[in-house]
Amino acid sequence: MQNSKGQQRPLILFSLFKSTIKLAFKTKKNSNQTQAIKSFSFLSVLSF
């Protein structure tokens, strides 16, 4: 099957998403959500 690349990409996106969530919690602790929102927007752009 040549679909392995297509299956790997969502997995990479998922790990990126997880680290973004971690970052969001970290910035929430520092009461600075702008960075988390920026990272999340960047991730959303990457997924499309």
N, C-alpha and C. Protein backbone atom coordinates (compact mmCIF):
# COMPACT_ATOMS: atom_id res chain seq x y z
N MET A 1 0.84 -1.21 0.00
CA MET A 1 0.00 0.00 0.00
C MET A 1 0.87 1.26 0.00
N GLN A 2 0.50 2.21 -0.82
CA GLN A 2 1.26 3.46 -0.88
C GLN A 2 0.58 4.57 -0.08
N ASN A 3 -0.33 4.20 0.79
CA ASN A 3 -1.08 5.18 1.57
C ASN A 3 -0.43 5.47 2.92
N SER A 4 0.76 4.88 3.14
CA SER A 4 1.41 5.04 4.45
C SER A 4 1.75 6.50 4.72
N LYS A 5 2.12 7.24 3.67
CA LYS A 5 2.45 8.66 3.85
C LYS A 5 1.20 9.44 4.26
N GLY A 6 0.08 9.11 3.68
CA GLY A 6 -1.17 9.78 4.01
C GLY A 6 -1.62 9.48 5.43
N GLN A 7 -1.23 8.32 5.93
CA GLN A 7 -1.62 7.96 7.29
C GLN A 7 -0.66 8.54 8.32
N GLN A 8 0.57 8.82 7.89
CA GLN A 8 1.57 9.35 8.80
C GLN A 8 1.32 10.82 9.10
N ARG A 9 0.84 11.56 8.09
CA ARG A 9 0.66 13.00 8.25
C ARG A 9 -0.29 13.37 9.38
N PRO A 10 -1.48 12.77 9.48
CA PRO A 10 -2.37 13.11 10.60
C PRO A 10 -1.73 12.82 11.95
N LEU A 11 -0.89 11.78 12.00
CA LEU A 11 -0.21 11.44 13.24
C LEU A 11 0.73 12.54 13.65
N ILE A 12 1.48 13.09 12.69
CA ILE A 12 2.40 14.20 12.96
C ILE A 12 1.61 15.42 13.41
N LEU A 13 0.50 15.68 12.72
CA LEU A 13 -0.36 16.81 13.07
C LEU A 13 -0.90 16.65 14.48
N PHE A 14 -1.22 15.41 14.84
CA PHE A 14 -1.78 15.15 16.16
C PHE A 14 -0.75 15.45 17.25
N SER A 15 0.51 15.04 17.03
CA SER A 15 1.54 15.31 18.02
C SER A 15 1.82 16.81 18.11
N LEU A 16 1.75 17.50 16.97
CA LEU A 16 1.88 18.96 16.97
C LEU A 16 0.76 19.59 17.77
N PHE A 17 -0.43 19.05 17.57
CA PHE A 17 -1.61 19.56 18.28
C PHE A 17 -1.45 19.38 19.79
N LYS A 18 -0.93 18.20 20.18
CA LYS A 18 -0.72 17.92 21.60
C LYS A 18 0.26 18.90 22.22
N SER A 19 1.35 19.18 21.50
CA SER A 19 2.34 20.11 22.05
C SER A 19 1.78 21.53 22.11
N THR A 20 0.89 21.85 21.17
CA THR A 20 0.24 23.16 21.20
C THR A 20 -0.66 23.29 22.42
N ILE A 21 -1.37 22.20 22.74
CA ILE A 21 -2.22 22.18 23.93
C ILE A 21 -1.37 22.39 25.19
N LYS A 22 -0.22 21.69 25.22
CA LYS A 22 0.69 21.84 26.36
C LYS A 22 1.15 23.28 26.49
N LEU A 23 1.48 23.87 25.35
CA LEU A 23 1.93 25.27 25.33
C LEU A 23 0.82 26.19 25.80
N ALA A 24 -0.40 25.89 25.38
CA ALA A 24 -1.55 26.70 25.77
C ALA A 24 -1.72 26.68 27.29
N PHE A 25 -1.55 25.51 27.90
CA PHE A 25 -1.66 25.41 29.35
C PHE A 25 -0.54 26.20 30.03
N LYS A 26 0.65 26.11 29.44
CA LYS A 26 1.80 26.82 30.01
C LYS A 26 1.59 28.32 29.97
N THR A 27 1.10 28.82 28.83
CA THR A 27 0.90 30.26 28.69
C THR A 27 -0.28 30.71 29.54
N LYS A 28 -1.25 29.81 29.74
CA LYS A 28 -2.39 30.15 30.60
C LYS A 28 -1.90 30.37 32.03
N LYS A 29 -0.95 29.56 32.44
CA LYS A 29 -0.37 29.70 33.77
C LYS A 29 0.31 31.06 33.90
N ASN A 30 0.93 31.49 32.82
CA ASN A 30 1.61 32.79 32.83
C ASN A 30 0.66 33.92 32.47
N SER A 31 -0.62 33.60 32.35
CA SER A 31 -1.68 34.55 32.00
C SER A 31 -1.34 35.33 30.73
N ASN A 32 -0.80 34.61 29.74
CA ASN A 32 -0.50 35.22 28.44
C ASN A 32 -0.99 34.26 27.37
N GLN A 33 -2.23 34.44 26.94
CA GLN A 33 -2.83 33.50 26.01
C GLN A 33 -2.55 33.85 24.55
N THR A 34 -1.99 35.02 24.30
CA THR A 34 -1.76 35.44 22.92
C THR A 34 -0.84 34.47 22.20
N GLN A 35 0.21 34.02 22.90
CA GLN A 35 1.17 33.11 22.28
C GLN A 35 0.50 31.79 21.92
N ALA A 36 -0.36 31.29 22.79
CA ALA A 36 -1.05 30.03 22.55
C ALA A 36 -1.97 30.16 21.34
N ILE A 37 -2.65 31.29 21.25
CA ILE A 37 -3.57 31.52 20.13
C ILE A 37 -2.78 31.61 18.83
N LYS A 38 -1.64 32.29 18.86
CA LYS A 38 -0.79 32.39 17.68
C LYS A 38 -0.33 31.02 17.22
N SER A 39 0.13 30.20 18.15
CA SER A 39 0.61 28.87 17.82
C SER A 39 -0.52 28.03 17.25
N PHE A 40 -1.69 28.18 17.83
CA PHE A 40 -2.84 27.40 17.37
C PHE A 40 -3.23 27.79 15.96
N SER A 41 -3.20 29.09 15.67
CA SER A 41 -3.52 29.57 14.32
C SER A 41 -2.50 29.03 13.33
N PHE A 42 -1.23 29.03 13.73
CA PHE A 42 -0.17 28.52 12.88
C PHE A 42 -0.40 27.05 12.59
N LEU A 43 -0.81 26.29 13.60
CA LEU A 43 -1.08 24.87 13.43
C LEU A 43 -2.26 24.65 12.49
N SER A 44 -3.29 25.46 12.61
CA SER A 44 -4.46 25.35 11.75
C SER A 44 -4.08 25.60 10.30
N VAL A 45 -3.20 26.56 10.07
CA VAL A 45 -2.74 26.86 8.71
C VAL A 45 -1.95 25.67 8.17
N LEU A 46 -1.15 25.05 9.02
CA LEU A 46 -0.33 23.91 8.60
C LEU A 46 -1.19 22.73 8.18
N SER A 47 -2.31 22.52 8.87
CA SER A 47 -3.14 21.36 8.58
C SER A 47 -3.88 21.48 7.25
N PHE A 48 -3.97 22.70 6.69
CA PHE A 48 -4.61 22.90 5.39
C PHE A 48 -3.61 23.17 4.29
